Amino acid sequence: MIYEERIDPYSGELFHPKRYNQKFANRKNQIAFNNTKAREIREVKKPIDTVLESNRKILLRLMENKKSSITKSKEFLLGSGFNFNYFNCSFTKDGKHYQCVYQFAIRKQGDGNFIIQKI
């Protein structure tokens, strides 16, 4: 069966599809199109992901091999380069609010210090 001519979304060339659902002239164009889309998404997310990864490395270094939690002051965390503007999730448990950076939960205590726990 012959399908009507289509335009390849990556290269813009005209082609005759061999299948009814074929969108690209060839596999190479399809891969290049998907790689370009994925790269654009990564570039948009990169500034935030960079800060989150930096925060994660700081917390990982502070926790070392400790199993439960440690307490650090805000000044100590700021001095180590921690950015308090970026967290990837938050939750409330037993009336206490936690903010998370990947596998670590951070909770502010009443005295201004922070408790850091592995989740």
N, C-alpha and C. Protein backbone atom coordinates (compact mmCIF):
# COMPACT_ATOMS: atom_id res chain seq x y z
N MET A 1 0.84 -1.18 0.00
CA MET A 1 0.00 0.00 0.00
C MET A 1 0.89 1.24 0.00
N ILE A 2 0.51 2.23 -0.74
CA ILE A 2 1.28 3.48 -0.83
C ILE A 2 0.56 4.54 -0.01
N TYR A 3 1.33 5.17 0.87
CA TYR A 3 0.78 6.24 1.71
C TYR A 3 1.21 7.57 1.14
N GLU A 4 0.43 8.60 1.46
CA GLU A 4 0.74 9.92 0.90
C GLU A 4 2.04 10.46 1.47
N GLU A 5 2.67 11.32 0.72
CA GLU A 5 3.96 11.90 1.07
C GLU A 5 3.88 12.67 2.38
N ARG A 6 4.95 12.54 3.18
CA ARG A 6 5.02 13.25 4.46
C ARG A 6 6.31 14.02 4.55
N ILE A 7 6.36 14.91 5.54
CA ILE A 7 7.57 15.69 5.80
C ILE A 7 8.21 15.17 7.08
N ASP A 8 9.48 14.85 7.00
CA ASP A 8 10.24 14.39 8.16
C ASP A 8 10.38 15.56 9.13
N PRO A 9 9.95 15.40 10.42
CA PRO A 9 10.02 16.51 11.38
C PRO A 9 11.44 16.93 11.74
N TYR A 10 12.42 16.05 11.53
CA TYR A 10 13.80 16.40 11.86
C TYR A 10 14.51 17.10 10.71
N SER A 11 14.48 16.49 9.55
CA SER A 11 15.25 17.03 8.42
C SER A 11 14.42 17.90 7.49
N GLY A 12 13.09 17.77 7.56
CA GLY A 12 12.23 18.56 6.70
C GLY A 12 12.10 18.00 5.28
N GLU A 13 12.71 16.84 5.02
CA GLU A 13 12.65 16.26 3.68
C GLU A 13 11.32 15.54 3.44
N LEU A 14 10.89 15.50 2.20
CA LEU A 14 9.69 14.76 1.81
C LEU A 14 10.05 13.29 1.63
N PHE A 15 9.15 12.40 2.07
CA PHE A 15 9.39 10.97 1.89
C PHE A 15 8.06 10.24 1.77
N HIS A 16 8.12 9.04 1.24
CA HIS A 16 6.95 8.17 1.15
C HIS A 16 7.06 7.12 2.25
N PRO A 17 6.16 7.17 3.24
CA PRO A 17 6.25 6.21 4.34
C PRO A 17 5.93 4.79 3.88
N LYS A 18 6.60 3.83 4.54
CA LYS A 18 6.34 2.42 4.26
C LYS A 18 5.25 1.86 5.17
N ARG A 19 5.02 2.58 6.30
CA ARG A 19 3.97 2.18 7.24
C ARG A 19 3.04 3.38 7.46
N TYR A 20 1.83 3.12 7.90
CA TYR A 20 0.86 4.20 8.10
C TYR A 20 1.25 5.14 9.23
N ASN A 21 2.02 4.63 10.21
CA ASN A 21 2.39 5.45 11.36
C ASN A 21 3.84 5.94 11.31
N GLN A 22 4.48 5.84 10.19
CA GLN A 22 5.87 6.28 10.05
C GLN A 22 5.93 7.80 9.98
N LYS A 23 6.76 8.41 10.87
CA LYS A 23 6.86 9.87 10.93
C LYS A 23 8.19 10.38 10.39
N PHE A 24 9.20 9.53 10.39
CA PHE A 24 10.54 9.95 9.99
C PHE A 24 10.96 9.22 8.73
N ALA A 25 11.81 9.87 7.95
CA ALA A 25 12.27 9.28 6.70
C ALA A 25 13.12 8.04 6.97
N ASN A 26 13.88 8.07 8.06
CA ASN A 26 14.72 6.91 8.40
C ASN A 26 14.99 6.89 9.90
N ARG A 27 15.56 5.81 10.35
CA ARG A 27 15.82 5.61 11.79
C ARG A 27 16.83 6.63 12.32
N LYS A 28 17.80 6.99 11.51
CA LYS A 28 18.82 7.96 11.91
C LYS A 28 18.17 9.30 12.28
N ASN A 29 17.21 9.75 11.48
CA ASN A 29 16.51 11.01 11.76
C ASN A 29 15.68 10.90 13.04
N GLN A 30 15.07 9.76 13.27
CA GLN A 30 14.26 9.56 14.47
C GLN A 30 15.14 9.64 15.72
N ILE A 31 16.28 8.98 15.69
CA ILE A 31 17.20 9.00 16.83
C ILE A 31 17.72 10.41 17.07
N ALA A 32 18.12 11.10 16.00
CA ALA A 32 18.63 12.47 16.13
C ALA A 32 17.55 13.40 16.69
N PHE A 33 16.31 13.25 16.24
CA PHE A 33 15.20 14.07 16.72
C PHE A 33 14.98 13.85 18.22
N ASN A 34 14.94 12.59 18.64
CA ASN A 34 14.72 12.27 20.05
C ASN A 34 15.90 12.72 20.93
N ASN A 35 17.11 12.59 20.42
CA ASN A 35 18.28 13.06 21.17
C ASN A 35 18.25 14.58 21.33
N THR A 36 17.84 15.29 20.31
CA THR A 36 17.73 16.75 20.38
C THR A 36 16.69 17.17 21.41
N LYS A 37 15.55 16.50 21.40
CA LYS A 37 14.49 16.79 22.38
C LYS A 37 14.98 16.54 23.81
N ALA A 38 15.64 15.40 24.02
CA ALA A 38 16.15 15.05 25.34
C ALA A 38 17.21 16.06 25.80
N ARG A 39 18.07 16.50 24.89
CA ARG A 39 19.11 17.47 25.22
C ARG A 39 18.48 18.80 25.65
N GLU A 40 17.44 19.22 24.94
CA GLU A 40 16.75 20.48 25.30
C GLU A 40 16.15 20.39 26.70
N ILE A 41 15.56 19.25 27.03
CA ILE A 41 14.98 19.07 28.36
C ILE A 41 16.07 19.10 29.43
N ARG A 42 17.20 18.41 29.17
CA ARG A 42 18.31 18.41 30.12
C ARG A 42 18.86 19.82 30.33
N GLU A 43 18.95 20.60 29.27
CA GLU A 43 19.49 21.95 29.38
C GLU A 43 18.58 22.84 30.23
N VAL A 44 17.28 22.66 30.13
CA VAL A 44 16.34 23.44 30.93
C VAL A 44 16.47 23.07 32.41
N LYS A 45 16.64 21.79 32.70
CA LYS A 45 16.72 21.30 34.07
C LYS A 45 18.11 21.45 34.70
N LYS A 46 19.12 21.68 33.88
CA LYS A 46 20.50 21.67 34.34
C LYS A 46 20.81 22.62 35.50
N PRO A 47 20.37 23.89 35.48
CA PRO A 47 20.72 24.79 36.59
C PRO A 47 20.21 24.29 37.94
N ILE A 48 18.99 23.78 37.97
CA ILE A 48 18.41 23.29 39.22
C ILE A 48 19.05 21.98 39.63
N ASP A 49 19.25 21.07 38.68
CA ASP A 49 19.87 19.79 38.99
C ASP A 49 21.30 19.96 39.50
N THR A 50 22.01 20.97 39.00
CA THR A 50 23.37 21.23 39.46
C THR A 50 23.38 21.62 40.94
N VAL A 51 22.46 22.49 41.34
CA VAL A 51 22.37 22.91 42.74
C VAL A 51 21.93 21.75 43.62
N LEU A 52 20.93 20.98 43.18
CA LEU A 52 20.48 19.83 43.97
C LEU A 52 21.60 18.81 44.15
N GLU A 53 22.36 18.56 43.11
CA GLU A 53 23.46 17.59 43.22
C GLU A 53 24.55 18.12 44.15
N SER A 54 24.81 19.41 44.11
CA SER A 54 25.79 20.01 45.03
C SER A 54 25.30 19.86 46.47
N ASN A 55 24.03 20.14 46.73
CA ASN A 55 23.46 19.97 48.07
C ASN A 55 23.53 18.52 48.52
N ARG A 56 23.25 17.59 47.61
CA ARG A 56 23.30 16.16 47.95
C ARG A 56 24.71 15.73 48.34
N LYS A 57 25.70 16.20 47.60
CA LYS A 57 27.09 15.85 47.90
C LYS A 57 27.52 16.41 49.26
N ILE A 58 27.08 17.62 49.58
CA ILE A 58 27.40 18.22 50.88
C ILE A 58 26.80 17.38 52.00
N LEU A 59 25.52 17.02 51.87
CA LEU A 59 24.87 16.21 52.90
C LEU A 59 25.48 14.83 53.00
N LEU A 60 25.83 14.25 51.88
CA LEU A 60 26.46 12.93 51.86
C LEU A 60 27.80 12.99 52.61
N ARG A 61 28.58 14.02 52.37
CA ARG A 61 29.87 14.18 53.03
C ARG A 61 29.67 14.38 54.54
N LEU A 62 28.66 15.16 54.93
CA LEU A 62 28.42 15.41 56.35
C LEU A 62 27.93 14.16 57.08
N MET A 63 27.10 13.38 56.40
CA MET A 63 26.54 12.18 57.04
C MET A 63 27.56 11.05 57.16
N GLU A 64 28.54 11.02 56.26
CA GLU A 64 29.55 9.97 56.21
C GLU A 64 28.89 8.61 56.41
N ASN A 65 29.24 7.92 57.50
CA ASN A 65 28.68 6.58 57.76
C ASN A 65 27.65 6.60 58.88
N LYS A 66 27.18 7.76 59.25
CA LYS A 66 26.20 7.85 60.33
C LYS A 66 24.87 7.28 59.85
N LYS A 67 24.20 6.56 60.75
CA LYS A 67 22.99 5.86 60.34
C LYS A 67 21.73 6.70 60.51
N SER A 68 21.66 7.51 61.56
CA SER A 68 20.39 8.20 61.79
C SER A 68 20.45 9.67 61.43
N SER A 69 20.92 10.50 62.34
CA SER A 69 20.85 11.93 62.06
C SER A 69 22.00 12.69 62.70
N ILE A 70 22.19 13.89 62.21
CA ILE A 70 23.16 14.81 62.79
C ILE A 70 22.52 16.18 62.86
N THR A 71 23.08 17.04 63.71
CA THR A 71 22.57 18.39 63.85
C THR A 71 23.67 19.37 63.45
N LYS A 72 23.33 20.31 62.58
CA LYS A 72 24.28 21.33 62.14
C LYS A 72 23.58 22.68 62.17
N SER A 73 24.37 23.72 62.36
CA SER A 73 23.81 25.07 62.35
C SER A 73 23.63 25.55 60.91
N LYS A 74 22.78 26.54 60.75
CA LYS A 74 22.55 27.08 59.42
C LYS A 74 23.83 27.71 58.87
N GLU A 75 24.59 28.38 59.73
CA GLU A 75 25.83 29.00 59.30
C GLU A 75 26.83 27.96 58.80
N PHE A 76 26.89 26.82 59.49
CA PHE A 76 27.79 25.75 59.07
C PHE A 76 27.40 25.25 57.68
N LEU A 77 26.11 25.01 57.49
CA LEU A 77 25.64 24.51 56.19
C LEU A 77 25.86 25.54 55.08
N LEU A 78 25.59 26.81 55.38
CA LEU A 78 25.84 27.85 54.37
C LEU A 78 27.32 27.95 54.05
N GLY A 79 28.16 27.82 55.06
CA GLY A 79 29.61 27.88 54.86
C GLY A 79 30.14 26.73 54.02
N SER A 80 29.45 25.59 54.09
CA SER A 80 29.87 24.45 53.28
C SER A 80 29.32 24.53 51.86
N GLY A 81 28.50 25.55 51.58
CA GLY A 81 27.99 25.76 50.23
C GLY A 81 26.57 25.29 50.01
N PHE A 82 25.88 24.89 51.07
CA PHE A 82 24.51 24.41 50.93
C PHE A 82 23.59 25.55 50.54
N ASN A 83 22.68 25.30 49.59
CA ASN A 83 21.73 26.30 49.12
C ASN A 83 20.33 25.93 49.63
N PHE A 84 19.79 26.76 50.52
CA PHE A 84 18.49 26.47 51.14
C PHE A 84 17.31 26.80 50.24
N ASN A 85 17.54 27.28 49.04
CA ASN A 85 16.45 27.61 48.13
C ASN A 85 16.00 26.43 47.27
N TYR A 86 16.77 25.34 47.28
CA TYR A 86 16.46 24.23 46.38
C TYR A 86 16.32 22.91 47.13
N PHE A 87 15.13 22.34 47.06
CA PHE A 87 14.84 21.01 47.59
C PHE A 87 13.98 20.31 46.55
N ASN A 88 14.02 18.97 46.52
CA ASN A 88 13.23 18.30 45.49
C ASN A 88 11.91 17.75 46.02
N CYS A 89 11.68 17.76 47.33
CA CYS A 89 10.36 17.42 47.87
C CYS A 89 10.29 17.87 49.32
N SER A 90 9.09 17.85 49.85
CA SER A 90 8.89 18.15 51.27
C SER A 90 7.70 17.35 51.76
N PHE A 91 7.69 17.09 53.06
CA PHE A 91 6.57 16.35 53.65
C PHE A 91 6.45 16.72 55.12
N THR A 92 5.29 16.41 55.70
CA THR A 92 5.05 16.65 57.11
C THR A 92 4.76 15.31 57.77
N LYS A 93 5.47 15.05 58.86
CA LYS A 93 5.27 13.80 59.59
C LYS A 93 5.21 14.14 61.07
N ASP A 94 4.18 13.67 61.74
CA ASP A 94 3.97 13.94 63.16
C ASP A 94 4.02 15.43 63.48
N GLY A 95 3.47 16.26 62.58
CA GLY A 95 3.42 17.69 62.79
C GLY A 95 4.73 18.41 62.53
N LYS A 96 5.74 17.69 62.05
CA LYS A 96 7.05 18.30 61.78
C LYS A 96 7.27 18.35 60.28
N HIS A 97 7.72 19.50 59.78
CA HIS A 97 7.91 19.71 58.34
C HIS A 97 9.35 19.37 57.94
N TYR A 98 9.49 18.52 56.95
CA TYR A 98 10.80 18.12 56.43
C TYR A 98 10.93 18.58 54.99
N GLN A 99 12.13 18.99 54.60
CA GLN A 99 12.44 19.27 53.21
C GLN A 99 13.53 18.29 52.81
N CYS A 100 13.45 17.82 51.57
CA CYS A 100 14.34 16.73 51.16
C CYS A 100 15.23 17.11 49.99
N VAL A 101 16.42 16.55 50.02
CA VAL A 101 17.35 16.57 48.89
C VAL A 101 17.68 15.10 48.64
N TYR A 102 17.03 14.54 47.66
CA TYR A 102 17.16 13.12 47.31
C TYR A 102 16.96 12.24 48.53
N GLN A 103 18.00 11.56 49.02
CA GLN A 103 17.81 10.60 50.11
C GLN A 103 17.95 11.20 51.50
N PHE A 104 18.04 12.52 51.61
CA PHE A 104 18.21 13.19 52.89
C PHE A 104 17.03 14.09 53.20
N ALA A 105 16.59 14.07 54.48
CA ALA A 105 15.52 14.96 54.94
C ALA A 105 16.14 15.95 55.93
N ILE A 106 15.74 17.20 55.82
CA ILE A 106 16.26 18.26 56.69
C ILE A 106 15.08 18.90 57.40
N ARG A 107 15.23 19.06 58.71
CA ARG A 107 14.18 19.69 59.51
C ARG A 107 14.80 20.75 60.40
N LYS A 108 14.19 21.92 60.43
CA LYS A 108 14.69 23.01 61.27
C LYS A 108 14.16 22.82 62.69
N GLN A 109 15.08 22.95 63.64
CA GLN A 109 14.69 22.88 65.04
C GLN A 109 14.35 24.27 65.56
N GLY A 110 13.81 24.34 66.74
CA GLY A 110 13.45 25.61 67.34
C GLY A 110 14.64 26.50 67.64
N ASP A 111 15.81 25.93 67.87
CA ASP A 111 17.00 26.72 68.21
C ASP A 111 17.74 27.22 66.97
N GLY A 112 17.21 26.98 65.79
CA GLY A 112 17.83 27.45 64.55
C GLY A 112 18.74 26.45 63.89
N ASN A 113 19.05 25.37 64.58
CA ASN A 113 19.86 24.31 63.98
C ASN A 113 19.01 23.41 63.12
N PHE A 114 19.66 22.59 62.31
CA PHE A 114 18.95 21.69 61.40
C PHE A 114 19.32 20.26 61.71
N ILE A 115 18.31 19.40 61.71
CA ILE A 115 18.54 17.96 61.84
C ILE A 115 18.54 17.37 60.44
N ILE A 116 19.56 16.60 60.13
CA ILE A 116 19.69 15.96 58.83
C ILE A 116 19.56 14.47 59.05
N GLN A 117 18.66 13.83 58.29
CA GLN A 117 18.41 12.40 58.42
C GLN A 117 18.46 11.73 57.07
N LYS A 118 18.91 10.48 57.06
CA LYS A 118 18.78 9.68 55.84
C LYS A 118 17.37 9.14 55.80
N ILE A 119 16.79 9.15 54.63
CA ILE A 119 15.42 8.63 54.49
C ILE A 119 15.49 7.16 54.15
